[in-house]
N, C-alpha and C. Protein backbone atom coordinates (compact mmCIF):
# COMPACT_ATOMS: atom_id res chain seq x y z
N MET A 1 54.28 110.79 104.29
CA MET A 1 54.93 110.09 103.19
C MET A 1 56.40 110.52 103.12
N GLU A 2 57.27 109.54 102.99
CA GLU A 2 58.71 109.79 102.93
C GLU A 2 59.13 110.10 101.50
N LEU A 3 60.02 111.08 101.35
CA LEU A 3 60.51 111.45 100.02
C LEU A 3 61.54 110.44 99.54
N GLU A 4 61.55 110.22 98.23
CA GLU A 4 62.51 109.30 97.63
C GLU A 4 63.85 109.99 97.44
N LYS A 5 64.91 109.29 97.83
CA LYS A 5 66.27 109.80 97.63
C LYS A 5 66.78 109.26 96.29
N LYS A 6 67.20 110.19 95.41
CA LYS A 6 67.69 109.79 94.09
C LYS A 6 69.17 110.10 93.97
N SER A 7 69.93 109.13 93.49
CA SER A 7 71.35 109.34 93.23
C SER A 7 71.50 110.15 91.95
N ILE A 8 72.26 111.25 92.03
CA ILE A 8 72.48 112.10 90.87
C ILE A 8 73.82 111.76 90.21
N TYR A 9 74.88 111.69 91.02
CA TYR A 9 76.23 111.36 90.53
C TYR A 9 76.90 110.45 91.53
N LYS A 10 77.74 109.56 91.01
CA LYS A 10 78.53 108.69 91.88
C LYS A 10 79.92 108.57 91.29
N CYS A 11 80.92 108.65 92.15
CA CYS A 11 82.31 108.46 91.72
C CYS A 11 83.02 107.71 92.84
N ASN A 12 83.51 106.53 92.54
CA ASN A 12 84.14 105.67 93.54
C ASN A 12 83.16 105.46 94.69
N ASP A 13 83.53 105.84 95.91
CA ASP A 13 82.65 105.61 97.07
C ASP A 13 81.95 106.90 97.52
N ILE A 14 81.83 107.87 96.62
CA ILE A 14 81.19 109.16 96.94
C ILE A 14 79.96 109.30 96.06
N GLN A 15 78.89 109.78 96.65
CA GLN A 15 77.64 109.88 95.92
C GLN A 15 76.93 111.20 96.25
N LEU A 16 76.42 111.86 95.23
CA LEU A 16 75.60 113.06 95.40
C LEU A 16 74.16 112.65 95.12
N CYS A 17 73.29 112.88 96.10
CA CYS A 17 71.89 112.49 95.99
C CYS A 17 71.00 113.71 96.19
N LYS A 18 69.74 113.55 95.79
CA LYS A 18 68.74 114.58 96.03
C LYS A 18 67.53 113.93 96.67
N CYS A 19 67.04 114.56 97.72
CA CYS A 19 65.83 114.09 98.41
C CYS A 19 64.96 115.32 98.64
N GLY A 20 63.91 115.46 97.85
CA GLY A 20 63.11 116.68 97.91
C GLY A 20 63.95 117.83 97.42
N SER A 21 64.09 118.86 98.25
CA SER A 21 64.93 120.01 97.87
C SER A 21 66.28 119.98 98.56
N THR A 22 66.61 118.86 99.20
CA THR A 22 67.87 118.72 99.93
C THR A 22 68.84 117.87 99.11
N TYR A 23 70.08 118.32 99.08
CA TYR A 23 71.15 117.59 98.40
C TYR A 23 72.02 116.91 99.46
N ILE A 24 72.41 115.68 99.19
CA ILE A 24 73.12 114.86 100.17
C ILE A 24 74.40 114.33 99.53
N VAL A 25 75.52 114.48 100.24
CA VAL A 25 76.77 113.88 99.79
C VAL A 25 77.11 112.77 100.78
N GLU A 26 77.17 111.55 100.25
CA GLU A 26 77.45 110.38 101.07
C GLU A 26 78.80 109.80 100.69
N GLN A 27 79.55 109.38 101.71
CA GLN A 27 80.83 108.72 101.51
C GLN A 27 80.89 107.51 102.43
N VAL A 28 81.55 106.47 102.01
CA VAL A 28 81.74 105.30 102.85
C VAL A 28 82.57 105.69 104.06
N ASP A 29 82.14 105.31 105.24
CA ASP A 29 82.84 105.55 106.51
C ASP A 29 83.04 107.02 106.84
N LYS A 30 82.21 107.91 106.31
CA LYS A 30 82.28 109.34 106.61
C LYS A 30 80.88 109.83 106.98
N GLU A 31 80.86 110.97 107.67
CA GLU A 31 79.58 111.56 108.03
C GLU A 31 78.90 112.12 106.77
N THR A 32 77.61 111.88 106.64
CA THR A 32 76.84 112.39 105.52
C THR A 32 76.68 113.90 105.65
N GLN A 33 76.83 114.60 104.54
CA GLN A 33 76.68 116.06 104.51
C GLN A 33 75.41 116.41 103.74
N THR A 34 74.63 117.36 104.26
CA THR A 34 73.42 117.79 103.57
C THR A 34 73.49 119.28 103.25
N PHE A 35 72.88 119.65 102.13
CA PHE A 35 72.93 121.03 101.66
C PHE A 35 71.58 121.42 101.06
N ASP A 36 71.18 122.66 101.26
CA ASP A 36 69.99 123.20 100.62
C ASP A 36 70.34 123.85 99.28
N ASN A 37 71.58 124.27 99.14
CA ASN A 37 72.03 124.96 97.93
C ASN A 37 72.72 123.95 97.00
N PRO A 38 72.19 123.74 95.80
CA PRO A 38 72.79 122.74 94.90
C PRO A 38 74.21 123.09 94.46
N LEU A 39 74.54 124.37 94.35
CA LEU A 39 75.91 124.74 93.95
C LEU A 39 76.92 124.39 95.04
N ILE A 40 76.55 124.60 96.28
CA ILE A 40 77.45 124.26 97.38
C ILE A 40 77.59 122.74 97.47
N ALA A 41 76.49 122.01 97.28
CA ALA A 41 76.55 120.54 97.30
C ALA A 41 77.46 120.03 96.19
N TRP A 42 77.32 120.59 94.99
CA TRP A 42 78.13 120.19 93.83
C TRP A 42 79.61 120.47 94.09
N ASN A 43 79.90 121.64 94.60
CA ASN A 43 81.28 122.03 94.89
C ASN A 43 81.89 121.11 95.94
N TYR A 44 81.14 120.80 96.98
CA TYR A 44 81.63 119.91 98.03
C TYR A 44 81.90 118.51 97.45
N PHE A 45 80.93 117.99 96.68
CA PHE A 45 81.06 116.67 96.07
C PHE A 45 82.34 116.58 95.22
N TRP A 46 82.55 117.56 94.32
CA TRP A 46 83.72 117.51 93.45
C TRP A 46 85.01 117.79 94.20
N GLY A 47 84.94 118.55 95.28
CA GLY A 47 86.12 118.75 96.12
C GLY A 47 86.60 117.45 96.72
N VAL A 48 85.66 116.64 97.20
CA VAL A 48 86.01 115.34 97.78
C VAL A 48 86.54 114.40 96.69
N VAL A 49 85.87 114.37 95.55
CA VAL A 49 86.32 113.52 94.43
C VAL A 49 87.73 113.92 94.00
N ASP A 50 87.97 115.22 93.85
CA ASP A 50 89.27 115.73 93.44
C ASP A 50 90.36 115.34 94.44
N PHE A 51 90.08 115.52 95.73
CA PHE A 51 91.06 115.18 96.77
C PHE A 51 91.42 113.69 96.71
N GLN A 52 90.40 112.83 96.64
CA GLN A 52 90.66 111.39 96.62
C GLN A 52 91.42 110.98 95.36
N THR A 53 91.06 111.56 94.23
CA THR A 53 91.72 111.22 92.97
C THR A 53 93.17 111.66 92.97
N ARG A 54 93.43 112.89 93.43
CA ARG A 54 94.82 113.37 93.51
C ARG A 54 95.66 112.52 94.45
N LYS A 55 95.06 112.07 95.55
CA LYS A 55 95.78 111.21 96.50
C LYS A 55 96.15 109.88 95.84
N LYS A 56 95.18 109.28 95.12
CA LYS A 56 95.44 108.02 94.42
C LYS A 56 96.54 108.17 93.38
N ILE A 57 96.46 109.24 92.60
CA ILE A 57 97.48 109.49 91.57
C ILE A 57 98.84 109.70 92.22
N GLY A 58 98.89 110.50 93.29
CA GLY A 58 100.15 110.75 94.00
C GLY A 58 100.76 109.48 94.55
N ASP A 59 99.92 108.62 95.15
CA ASP A 59 100.40 107.35 95.70
C ASP A 59 100.97 106.47 94.59
N THR A 60 100.29 106.45 93.44
CA THR A 60 100.77 105.66 92.30
C THR A 60 102.11 106.18 91.80
N LEU A 61 102.22 107.51 91.66
CA LEU A 61 103.48 108.10 91.21
C LEU A 61 104.62 107.78 92.17
N GLU A 62 104.38 107.92 93.47
CA GLU A 62 105.43 107.61 94.46
C GLU A 62 105.83 106.15 94.40
N SER A 63 104.88 105.25 94.17
CA SER A 63 105.22 103.82 94.09
C SER A 63 106.07 103.53 92.86
N GLN A 64 106.06 104.44 91.88
CA GLN A 64 106.86 104.30 90.66
C GLN A 64 108.17 105.09 90.75
N GLY A 65 108.47 105.63 91.95
CA GLY A 65 109.70 106.39 92.13
C GLY A 65 109.62 107.80 91.56
N ARG A 66 108.42 108.33 91.49
CA ARG A 66 108.22 109.68 90.94
C ARG A 66 107.72 110.62 92.03
N CYS A 67 107.86 111.91 91.77
CA CYS A 67 107.36 112.94 92.68
C CYS A 67 105.83 112.98 92.57
N ARG A 68 105.15 112.93 93.69
CA ARG A 68 103.69 112.89 93.68
C ARG A 68 103.06 114.17 93.14
N TYR A 69 103.80 115.27 93.13
CA TYR A 69 103.23 116.56 92.70
C TYR A 69 103.53 116.91 91.25
N THR A 70 104.67 116.45 90.72
CA THR A 70 105.05 116.81 89.35
C THR A 70 105.07 115.61 88.40
N GLY A 71 105.18 114.41 88.93
CA GLY A 71 105.28 113.22 88.10
C GLY A 71 106.69 112.94 87.61
N LYS A 72 107.63 113.84 87.92
CA LYS A 72 109.02 113.63 87.50
C LYS A 72 109.66 112.54 88.35
N ARG A 73 110.61 111.85 87.74
CA ARG A 73 111.37 110.85 88.51
C ARG A 73 112.07 111.58 89.64
N LYS A 74 112.16 110.94 90.78
CA LYS A 74 112.70 111.62 91.97
C LYS A 74 114.13 112.10 91.76
N GLU A 75 114.93 111.38 91.01
CA GLU A 75 116.30 111.84 90.78
C GLU A 75 116.31 113.12 89.94
N GLU A 76 115.33 113.30 89.04
CA GLU A 76 115.23 114.54 88.26
C GLU A 76 114.88 115.72 89.17
N VAL A 77 114.02 115.48 90.13
CA VAL A 77 113.58 116.54 91.05
C VAL A 77 114.75 117.00 91.90
N TYR A 78 115.53 116.04 92.42
CA TYR A 78 116.63 116.40 93.32
C TYR A 78 117.86 116.94 92.59
N ASN A 79 118.04 116.51 91.34
CA ASN A 79 119.21 116.95 90.58
C ASN A 79 118.92 118.16 89.69
N GLY A 80 117.70 118.63 89.70
CA GLY A 80 117.36 119.81 88.88
C GLY A 80 116.70 119.39 87.65
C-alpha cells in the first residue's frame, strides 16, 4: 500500500509535504528534496521561500529606481 502525500504548507511554487515520516520540499522546475528530520525540512522550505521573496522584492525596488538592499532611491545611496 502506498502512503498518502499531504501538503502541509505552500507558498508560491514551493510546497512542503509529508508522506509517512518523510518530509518533501517540492518546487516547480527544481529537484525534489526529501528529509527525515522535520526541523531541517522546515528550515530548507523557509530558506527557499525567503530567497525567492527577497529576490522579487529586490527586482521590484530596482525597477522603481531604488537600491535592492536598502530600498533607498539610487541617488540617495550614491550621494550619501
